[in-house]
Amino acid sequence: MVYYVNILKSQRSGTYYKGISEDYRARFEAHNRGESTYTSLHMPWELIYVEEHATKKEALIREKKLKRCKADYFEWLRSQSSNLLNR
């Protein structure tokens, strides 16, 4: 099974949300429907970064590392070739 790490940016507050899922598109849509308590407070969201991982463990480790990063790093990631949205 493939897992995705994704980063969302709130168009309202400018905050970033990092998460993992098996279907990043469906999860993104769920966030914009207000189906998550935290993210419902910052809607609407923009999907800015997605990367693929072979295992859930790898994705969780990457998500944990991203949670310590700052906004300028997320904006840099946005333009990188590792971003599935750029393919």
PDB file of N, CA and C in Angstrom:
ATOM      1  N   MET A   1       0.836  -1.179   0.000  1.00  0.00           N
ATOM      2  CA  MET A   1       0.000   0.000   0.000  1.00  0.00           C
ATOM      3  C   MET A   1       0.885   1.247   0.000  1.00  0.00           C
ATOM      4  N   VAL A   2       0.480   2.253  -0.726  1.00  0.00           N
ATOM      5  CA  VAL A   2       1.204   3.526  -0.813  1.00  0.00           C
ATOM      6  C   VAL A   2       0.558   4.519   0.148  1.00  0.00           C
ATOM      7  N   TYR A   3       1.395   5.315   0.791  1.00  0.00           N
ATOM      8  CA  TYR A   3       0.927   6.382   1.675  1.00  0.00           C
ATOM      9  C   TYR A   3       1.493   7.702   1.186  1.00  0.00           C
ATOM     10  N   TYR A   4       0.722   8.746   1.399  1.00  0.00           N
ATOM     11  CA  TYR A   4       1.108  10.069   0.949  1.00  0.00           C
ATOM     12  C   TYR A   4       1.246  11.013   2.137  1.00  0.00           C
ATOM     13  N   VAL A   5       2.297  11.802   2.096  1.00  0.00           N
ATOM     14  CA  VAL A   5       2.459  12.908   3.032  1.00  0.00           C
ATOM     15  C   VAL A   5       2.052  14.149   2.265  1.00  0.00           C
ATOM     16  N   ASN A   6       1.193  14.955   2.890  1.00  0.00           N
ATOM     17  CA  ASN A   6       0.758  16.159   2.190  1.00  0.00           C
ATOM     18  C   ASN A   6       0.801  17.369   3.110  1.00  0.00           C
ATOM     19  N   ILE A   7       0.912  18.516   2.479  1.00  0.00           N
ATOM     20  CA  ILE A   7       0.916  19.783   3.199  1.00  0.00           C
ATOM     21  C   ILE A   7      -0.194  20.643   2.608  1.00  0.00           C
ATOM     22  N   LEU A   8      -1.023  21.163   3.487  1.00  0.00           N
ATOM     23  CA  LEU A   8      -2.086  22.078   3.100  1.00  0.00           C
ATOM     24  C   LEU A   8      -1.758  23.458   3.642  1.00  0.00           C
ATOM     25  N   LYS A   9      -2.190  24.482   2.927  1.00  0.00           N
ATOM     26  CA  LYS A   9      -2.025  25.855   3.389  1.00  0.00           C
ATOM     27  C   LYS A   9      -3.403  26.494   3.475  1.00  0.00           C
ATOM     28  N   SER A  10      -3.691  27.074   4.634  1.00  0.00           N
ATOM     29  CA  SER A  10      -4.971  27.749   4.821  1.00  0.00           C
ATOM     30  C   SER A  10      -4.987  29.042   4.037  1.00  0.00           C
ATOM     31  N   GLN A  11      -6.004  29.212   3.221  1.00  0.00           N
ATOM     32  CA  GLN A  11      -6.156  30.455   2.476  1.00  0.00           C
ATOM     33  C   GLN A  11      -6.706  31.560   3.375  1.00  0.00           C
ATOM     34  N   ARG A  12      -7.237  31.179   4.516  1.00  0.00           N
ATOM     35  CA  ARG A  12      -7.779  32.155   5.466  1.00  0.00           C
ATOM     36  C   ARG A  12      -6.700  32.694   6.406  1.00  0.00           C
ATOM     37  N   SER A  13      -5.970  31.781   7.057  1.00  0.00           N
ATOM     38  CA  SER A  13      -5.032  32.197   8.102  1.00  0.00           C
ATOM     39  C   SER A  13      -3.564  32.084   7.705  1.00  0.00           C
ATOM     40  N   GLY A  14      -3.291  31.380   6.605  1.00  0.00           N
ATOM     41  CA  GLY A  14      -1.902  31.195   6.183  1.00  0.00           C
ATOM     42  C   GLY A  14      -1.178  30.094   6.943  1.00  0.00           C
ATOM     43  N   THR A  15      -1.873  29.376   7.816  1.00  0.00           N
ATOM     44  CA  THR A  15      -1.248  28.287   8.555  1.00  0.00           C
ATOM     45  C   THR A  15      -1.102  27.059   7.666  1.00  0.00           C
ATOM     46  N   TYR A  16      -0.223  26.166   8.087  1.00  0.00           N
ATOM     47  CA  TYR A  16       0.048  24.943   7.330  1.00  0.00           C
ATOM     48  C   TYR A  16      -0.409  23.737   8.137  1.00  0.00           C
ATOM     49  N   TYR A  17      -0.882  22.734   7.420  1.00  0.00           N
ATOM     50  CA  TYR A  17      -1.301  21.474   8.035  1.00  0.00           C
ATOM     51  C   TYR A  17      -0.544  20.357   7.340  1.00  0.00           C
ATOM     52  N   LYS A  18       0.064  19.485   8.116  1.00  0.00           N
ATOM     53  CA  LYS A  18       0.801  18.344   7.575  1.00  0.00           C
ATOM     54  C   LYS A  18       0.079  17.070   7.970  1.00  0.00           C
ATOM     55  N   GLY A  19      -0.072  16.147   7.022  1.00  0.00           N
ATOM     56  CA  GLY A  19      -0.766  14.906   7.328  1.00  0.00           C
ATOM     57  C   GLY A  19      -0.369  13.790   6.387  1.00  0.00           C
ATOM     58  N   ILE A  20      -0.869  12.593   6.688  1.00  0.00           N
ATOM     59  CA  ILE A  20      -0.660  11.447   5.806  1.00  0.00           C
ATOM     60  C   ILE A  20      -2.009  10.822   5.483  1.00  0.00           C
ATOM     61  N   SER A  21      -2.063  10.137   4.361  1.00  0.00           N
ATOM     62  CA  SER A  21      -3.291   9.447   3.969  1.00  0.00           C
ATOM     63  C   SER A  21      -2.971   8.438   2.879  1.00  0.00           C
ATOM     64  N   GLU A  22      -3.921   7.575   2.636  1.00  0.00           N
ATOM     65  CA  GLU A  22      -3.800   6.621   1.531  1.00  0.00           C
ATOM     66  C   GLU A  22      -4.338   7.222   0.238  1.00  0.00           C
ATOM     67  N   ASP A  23      -5.194   8.238   0.359  1.00  0.00           N
ATOM     68  CA  ASP A  23      -5.775   8.912  -0.799  1.00  0.00           C
ATOM     69  C   ASP A  23      -5.764  10.412  -0.519  1.00  0.00           C
ATOM     70  N   TYR A  24      -4.705  11.083  -0.946  1.00  0.00           N
ATOM     71  CA  TYR A  24      -4.539  12.491  -0.587  1.00  0.00           C
ATOM     72  C   TYR A  24      -5.616  13.390  -1.183  1.00  0.00           C
ATOM     73  N   ARG A  25      -6.130  13.037  -2.348  1.00  0.00           N
ATOM     74  CA  ARG A  25      -7.175  13.864  -2.964  1.00  0.00           C
ATOM     75  C   ARG A  25      -8.459  13.826  -2.142  1.00  0.00           C
ATOM     76  N   ALA A  26      -8.863  12.629  -1.752  1.00  0.00           N
ATOM     77  CA  ALA A  26     -10.081  12.479  -0.945  1.00  0.00           C
ATOM     78  C   ALA A  26      -9.916  13.151   0.413  1.00  0.00           C
ATOM     79  N   ARG A  27      -8.729  13.021   1.005  1.00  0.00           N
ATOM     80  CA  ARG A  27      -8.483  13.635   2.315  1.00  0.00           C
ATOM     81  C   ARG A  27      -8.498  15.157   2.202  1.00  0.00           C
ATOM     82  N   PHE A  28      -7.938  15.697   1.138  1.00  0.00           N
ATOM     83  CA  PHE A  28      -7.961  17.138   0.899  1.00  0.00           C
ATOM     84  C   PHE A  28      -9.398  17.646   0.793  1.00  0.00           C
ATOM     85  N   GLU A  29     -10.210  16.940   0.034  1.00  0.00           N
ATOM     86  CA  GLU A  29     -11.612  17.325  -0.115  1.00  0.00           C
ATOM     87  C   GLU A  29     -12.341  17.266   1.224  1.00  0.00           C
ATOM     88  N   ALA A  30     -12.034  16.256   2.038  1.00  0.00           N
ATOM     89  CA  ALA A  30     -12.650  16.131   3.363  1.00  0.00           C
ATOM     90  C   ALA A  30     -12.285  17.322   4.251  1.00  0.00           C
ATOM     91  N   HIS A  31     -11.035  17.753   4.186  1.00  0.00           N
ATOM     92  CA  HIS A  31     -10.623  18.924   4.964  1.00  0.00           C
ATOM     93  C   HIS A  31     -11.407  20.163   4.531  1.00  0.00           C
ATOM     94  N   ASN A  32     -11.628  20.319   3.245  1.00  0.00           N
ATOM     95  CA  ASN A  32     -12.354  21.490   2.756  1.00  0.00           C
ATOM     96  C   ASN A  32     -13.863  21.381   2.944  1.00  0.00           C
ATOM     97  N   ARG A  33     -14.348  20.215   3.318  1.00  0.00           N
ATOM     98  CA  ARG A  33     -15.762  20.060   3.692  1.00  0.00           C
ATOM     99  C   ARG A  33     -15.962  20.255   5.190  1.00  0.00           C
ATOM    100  N   GLY A  34     -14.868  20.468   5.920  1.00  0.00           N
ATOM    101  CA  GLY A  34     -14.973  20.696   7.358  1.00  0.00           C
ATOM    102  C   GLY A  34     -15.096  19.433   8.182  1.00  0.00           C
ATOM    103  N   GLU A  35     -14.620  18.303   7.674  1.00  0.00           N
ATOM    104  CA  GLU A  35     -14.770  17.027   8.358  1.00  0.00           C
ATOM    105  C   GLU A  35     -13.705  16.768   9.424  1.00  0.00           C
ATOM    106  N   SER A  36     -12.797  17.696   9.621  1.00  0.00           N
ATOM    107  CA  SER A  36     -11.778  17.591  10.661  1.00  0.00           C
ATOM    108  C   SER A  36     -11.916  18.814  11.568  1.00  0.00           C
ATOM    109  N   THR A  37     -11.957  18.597  12.871  1.00  0.00           N
ATOM    110  CA  THR A  37     -12.182  19.694  13.813  1.00  0.00           C
ATOM    111  C   THR A  37     -11.163  20.816  13.638  1.00  0.00           C
ATOM    112  N   TYR A  38      -9.867  20.488  13.641  1.00  0.00           N
ATOM    113  CA  TYR A  38      -8.838  21.523  13.533  1.00  0.00           C
ATOM    114  C   TYR A  38      -8.908  22.245  12.195  1.00  0.00           C
ATOM    115  N   THR A  39      -8.925  21.495  11.120  1.00  0.00           N
ATOM    116  CA  THR A  39      -8.845  22.138   9.807  1.00  0.00           C
ATOM    117  C   THR A  39     -10.122  22.887   9.449  1.00  0.00           C
ATOM    118  N   SER A  40     -11.248  22.539  10.053  1.00  0.00           N
ATOM    119  CA  SER A  40     -12.496  23.249   9.748  1.00  0.00           C
ATOM    120  C   SER A  40     -12.422  24.710  10.182  1.00  0.00           C
ATOM    121  N   LEU A  41     -11.573  25.018  11.143  1.00  0.00           N
ATOM    122  CA  LEU A  41     -11.435  26.393  11.633  1.00  0.00           C
ATOM    123  C   LEU A  41     -10.620  27.284  10.702  1.00  0.00           C
ATOM    124  N   HIS A  42      -9.924  26.671   9.737  1.00  0.00           N
ATOM    125  CA  HIS A  42      -9.012  27.424   8.873  1.00  0.00           C
ATOM    126  C   HIS A  42      -9.346  27.291   7.388  1.00  0.00           C
ATOM    127  N   MET A  43     -10.537  26.813   7.063  1.00  0.00           N
ATOM    128  CA  MET A  43     -10.931  26.644   5.665  1.00  0.00           C
ATOM    129  C   MET A  43     -11.045  27.991   4.960  1.00  0.00           C
ATOM    130  N   PRO A  44     -10.853  28.009   3.654  1.00  0.00           N
ATOM    131  CA  PRO A  44     -10.531  26.904   2.757  1.00  0.00           C
ATOM    132  C   PRO A  44      -9.034  26.601   2.737  1.00  0.00           C
ATOM    133  N   TRP A  45      -8.733  25.400   2.277  1.00  0.00           N
ATOM    134  CA  TRP A  45      -7.353  24.910   2.214  1.00  0.00           C
ATOM    135  C   TRP A  45      -6.897  24.789   0.775  1.00  0.00           C
ATOM    136  N   GLU A  46      -5.596  24.952   0.593  1.00  0.00           N
ATOM    137  CA  GLU A  46      -4.948  24.750  -0.706  1.00  0.00           C
ATOM    138  C   GLU A  46      -3.952  23.607  -0.523  1.00  0.00           C
ATOM    139  N   LEU A  47      -3.983  22.630  -1.417  1.00  0.00           N
ATOM    140  CA  LEU A  47      -3.025  21.527  -1.395  1.00  0.00           C
ATOM    141  C   LEU A  47      -1.754  22.011  -2.073  1.00  0.00           C
ATOM    142  N   ILE A  48      -0.649  22.095  -1.313  1.00  0.00           N
ATOM    143  CA  ILE A  48       0.572  22.653  -1.899  1.00  0.00           C
ATOM    144  C   ILE A  48       1.679  21.629  -2.104  1.00  0.00           C
ATOM    145  N   TYR A  49       1.610  20.485  -1.409  1.00  0.00           N
ATOM    146  CA  TYR A  49       2.709  19.526  -1.515  1.00  0.00           C
ATOM    147  C   TYR A  49       2.212  18.118  -1.230  1.00  0.00           C
ATOM    148  N   VAL A  50       2.684  17.158  -2.042  1.00  0.00           N
ATOM    149  CA  VAL A  50       2.371  15.740  -1.850  1.00  0.00           C
ATOM    150  C   VAL A  50       3.598  14.926  -2.205  1.00  0.00           C
ATOM    151  N   GLU A  51       3.953  13.974  -1.334  1.00  0.00           N
ATOM    152  CA  GLU A  51       5.017  13.026  -1.661  1.00  0.00           C
ATOM    153  C   GLU A  51       4.559  11.621  -1.298  1.00  0.00           C
ATOM    154  N   GLU A  52       5.088  10.646  -2.007  1.00  0.00           N
ATOM    155  CA  GLU A  52       4.674   9.248  -1.875  1.00  0.00           C
ATOM    156  C   GLU A  52       5.683   8.463  -1.046  1.00  0.00           C
ATOM    157  N   HIS A  53       5.154   7.544  -0.225  1.00  0.00           N
ATOM    158  CA  HIS A  53       5.993   6.655   0.576  1.00  0.00           C
ATOM    159  C   HIS A  53       5.474   5.226   0.461  1.00  0.00           C
ATOM    160  N   ALA A  54       6.395   4.276   0.483  1.00  0.00           N
ATOM    161  CA  ALA A  54       6.047   2.877   0.296  1.00  0.00           C
ATOM    162  C   ALA A  54       5.361   2.269   1.516  1.00  0.00           C
ATOM    163  N   THR A  55       5.641   2.809   2.701  1.00  0.00           N
ATOM    164  CA  THR A  55       5.049   2.245   3.918  1.00  0.00           C
ATOM    165  C   THR A  55       4.467   3.353   4.787  1.00  0.00           C
ATOM    166  N   LYS A  56       3.548   2.952   5.654  1.00  0.00           N
ATOM    167  CA  LYS A  56       2.964   3.903   6.588  1.00  0.00           C
ATOM    168  C   LYS A  56       4.022   4.419   7.561  1.00  0.00           C
ATOM    169  N   LYS A  57       4.924   3.546   7.964  1.00  0.00           N
ATOM    170  CA  LYS A  57       5.991   3.939   8.896  1.00  0.00           C
ATOM    171  C   LYS A  57       6.844   5.058   8.298  1.00  0.00           C
ATOM    172  N   GLU A  58       7.247   4.908   7.040  1.00  0.00           N
ATOM    173  CA  GLU A  58       8.044   5.944   6.366  1.00  0.00           C
ATOM    174  C   GLU A  58       7.283   7.265   6.316  1.00  0.00           C
ATOM    175  N   ALA A  59       6.002   7.191   5.988  1.00  0.00           N
ATOM    176  CA  ALA A  59       5.187   8.398   5.892  1.00  0.00           C
ATOM    177  C   ALA A  59       5.047   9.078   7.258  1.00  0.00           C
ATOM    178  N   LEU A  60       4.865   8.297   8.307  1.00  0.00           N
ATOM    179  CA  LEU A  60       4.741   8.875   9.650  1.00  0.00           C
ATOM    180  C   LEU A  60       6.030   9.543  10.105  1.00  0.00           C
ATOM    181  N   ILE A  61       7.157   8.935   9.778  1.00  0.00           N
ATOM    182  CA  ILE A  61       8.455   9.529  10.129  1.00  0.00           C
ATOM    183  C   ILE A  61       8.633  10.855   9.400  1.00  0.00           C
ATOM    184  N   ARG A  62       8.300  10.891   8.121  1.00  0.00           N
ATOM    185  CA  ARG A  62       8.435  12.124   7.336  1.00  0.00           C
ATOM    186  C   ARG A  62       7.485  13.205   7.861  1.00  0.00           C
ATOM    187  N   GLU A  63       6.247  12.821   8.164  1.00  0.00           N
ATOM    188  CA  GLU A  63       5.284  13.785   8.697  1.00  0.00           C
ATOM    189  C   GLU A  63       5.798  14.394  10.002  1.00  0.00           C
ATOM    190  N   LYS A  64       6.353  13.573  10.870  1.00  0.00           N
ATOM    191  CA  LYS A  64       6.879  14.052  12.143  1.00  0.00           C
ATOM    192  C   LYS A  64       8.003  15.065  11.930  1.00  0.00           C
ATOM    193  N   LYS A  65       8.873  14.789  10.957  1.00  0.00           N
ATOM    194  CA  LYS A  65       9.955  15.735  10.644  1.00  0.00           C
ATOM    195  C   LYS A  65       9.396  17.041  10.105  1.00  0.00           C
ATOM    196  N   LEU A  66       8.396  16.970   9.253  1.00  0.00           N
ATOM    197  CA  LEU A  66       7.806  18.176   8.677  1.00  0.00           C
ATOM    198  C   LEU A  66       7.128  19.046   9.731  1.00  0.00           C
ATOM    199  N   LYS A  67       6.611  18.429  10.763  1.00  0.00           N
ATOM    200  CA  LYS A  67       5.926  19.192  11.810  1.00  0.00           C
ATOM    201  C   LYS A  67       6.880  20.132  12.550  1.00  0.00           C
ATOM    202  N   ARG A  68       8.184  19.907  12.423  1.00  0.00           N
ATOM    203  CA  ARG A  68       9.173  20.783  13.062  1.00  0.00           C
ATOM    204  C   ARG A  68       9.684  21.878  12.127  1.00  0.00           C
ATOM    205  N   CYS A  69       9.225  21.883  10.891  1.00  0.00           N
ATOM    206  CA  CYS A  69       9.733  22.830   9.892  1.00  0.00           C
ATOM    207  C   CYS A  69       8.920  24.116   9.869  1.00  0.00           C
ATOM    208  N   LYS A  70       9.484  25.097   9.218  1.00  0.00           N
ATOM    209  CA  LYS A  70       8.874  26.431   9.133  1.00  0.00           C
ATOM    210  C   LYS A  70       8.287  26.677   7.739  1.00  0.00           C
ATOM    211  N   ALA A  71       7.492  27.731   7.661  1.00  0.00           N
ATOM    212  CA  ALA A  71       6.767  28.069   6.438  1.00  0.00           C
ATOM    213  C   ALA A  71       7.664  28.230   5.218  1.00  0.00           C
ATOM    214  N   ASP A  72       8.843  28.831   5.395  1.00  0.00           N
ATOM    215  CA  ASP A  72       9.713  29.034   4.228  1.00  0.00           C
ATOM    216  C   ASP A  72      10.154  27.706   3.625  1.00  0.00           C
ATOM    217  N   TYR A  73      10.317  26.683   4.442  1.00  0.00           N
ATOM    218  CA  TYR A  73      10.671  25.354   3.937  1.00  0.00           C
ATOM    219  C   TYR A  73       9.502  24.755   3.142  1.00  0.00           C
ATOM    220  N   PHE A  74       8.285  24.921   3.642  1.00  0.00           N
ATOM    221  CA  PHE A  74       7.118  24.394   2.926  1.00  0.00           C
ATOM    222  C   PHE A  74       6.961  25.068   1.569  1.00  0.00           C
ATOM    223  N   GLU A  75       7.214  26.365   1.518  1.00  0.00           N
ATOM    224  CA  GLU A  75       7.113  27.081   0.249  1.00  0.00           C
ATOM    225  C   GLU A  75       8.224  26.634  -0.711  1.00  0.00           C
ATOM    226  N   TRP A  76       9.393  26.328  -0.171  1.00  0.00           N
ATOM    227  CA  TRP A  76      10.480  25.801  -0.997  1.00  0.00           C
ATOM    228  C   TRP A  76      10.106  24.419  -1.541  1.00  0.00           C
ATOM    229  N   LEU A  77       9.566  23.554  -0.665  1.00  0.00           N
ATOM    230  CA  LEU A  77       9.154  22.214  -1.093  1.00  0.00           C
ATOM    231  C   LEU A  77       8.154  22.270  -2.241  1.00  0.00           C
ATOM    232  N   ARG A  78       7.314  23.254  -2.195  1.00  0.00           N
ATOM    233  CA  ARG A  78       6.244  23.408  -3.180  1.00  0.00           C
ATOM    234  C   ARG A  78       6.773  23.361  -4.614  1.00  0.00           C
ATOM    235  N   SER A  79       7.958  23.876  -4.848  1.00  0.00           N
ATOM    236  CA  SER A  79       8.508  23.949  -6.209  1.00  0.00           C
ATOM    237  C   SER A  79       9.452  22.800  -6.555  1.00  0.00           C
ATOM    238  N   GLN A  80       9.652  21.859  -5.635  1.00  0.00           N
ATOM    239  CA  GLN A  80      10.616  20.794  -5.847  1.00  0.00           C
ATOM    240  C   GLN A  80      10.044  19.655  -6.687  1.00  0.00           C
ATOM    241  N   SER A  81      10.934  18.894  -7.313  1.00  0.00           N
ATOM    242  CA  SER A  81      10.525  17.763  -8.151  1.00  0.00           C
ATOM    243  C   SER A  81       9.935  16.620  -7.312  1.00  0.00           C
ATOM    244  N   SER A  82      10.208  16.607  -6.020  1.00  0.00           N
ATOM    245  CA  SER A  82       9.630  15.581  -5.142  1.00  0.00           C
ATOM    246  C   SER A  82       8.130  15.808  -4.930  1.00  0.00           C
ATOM    247  N   ASN A  83       7.629  16.973  -5.301  1.00  0.00           N
ATOM    248  CA  ASN A  83       6.219  17.300  -5.151  1.00  0.00           C
ATOM    249  C   ASN A  83       5.420  16.661  -6.285  1.00  0.00           C
ATOM    250  N   LEU A  84       4.581  15.693  -5.953  1.00  0.00           N
ATOM    251  CA  LEU A  84       3.792  15.012  -6.983  1.00  0.00           C
ATOM    252  C   LEU A  84       2.883  15.977  -7.747  1.00  0.00           C
ATOM    253  N   LEU A  85       2.549  17.089  -7.157  1.00  0.00           N
ATOM    254  CA  LEU A  85       1.699  18.070  -7.841  1.00  0.00           C
ATOM    255  C   LEU A  85       2.431  18.755  -8.988  1.00  0.00           C
ATOM    256  N   ASN A  86       3.751  18.640  -9.050  1.00  0.00           N
ATOM    257  CA  ASN A  86       4.540  19.252 -10.120  1.00  0.00           C
ATOM    258  C   ASN A  86       4.785  18.299 -11.291  1.00  0.00           C
ATOM    259  N   ARG A  87       4.224  17.155 -11.239  1.00  0.00           N
ATOM    260  CA  ARG A  87       4.442  16.169 -12.319  1.00  0.00           C
ATOM    261  C   ARG A  87       3.327  16.184 -13.313  1.00  0.00           C
TER     262      ARG A  87
END
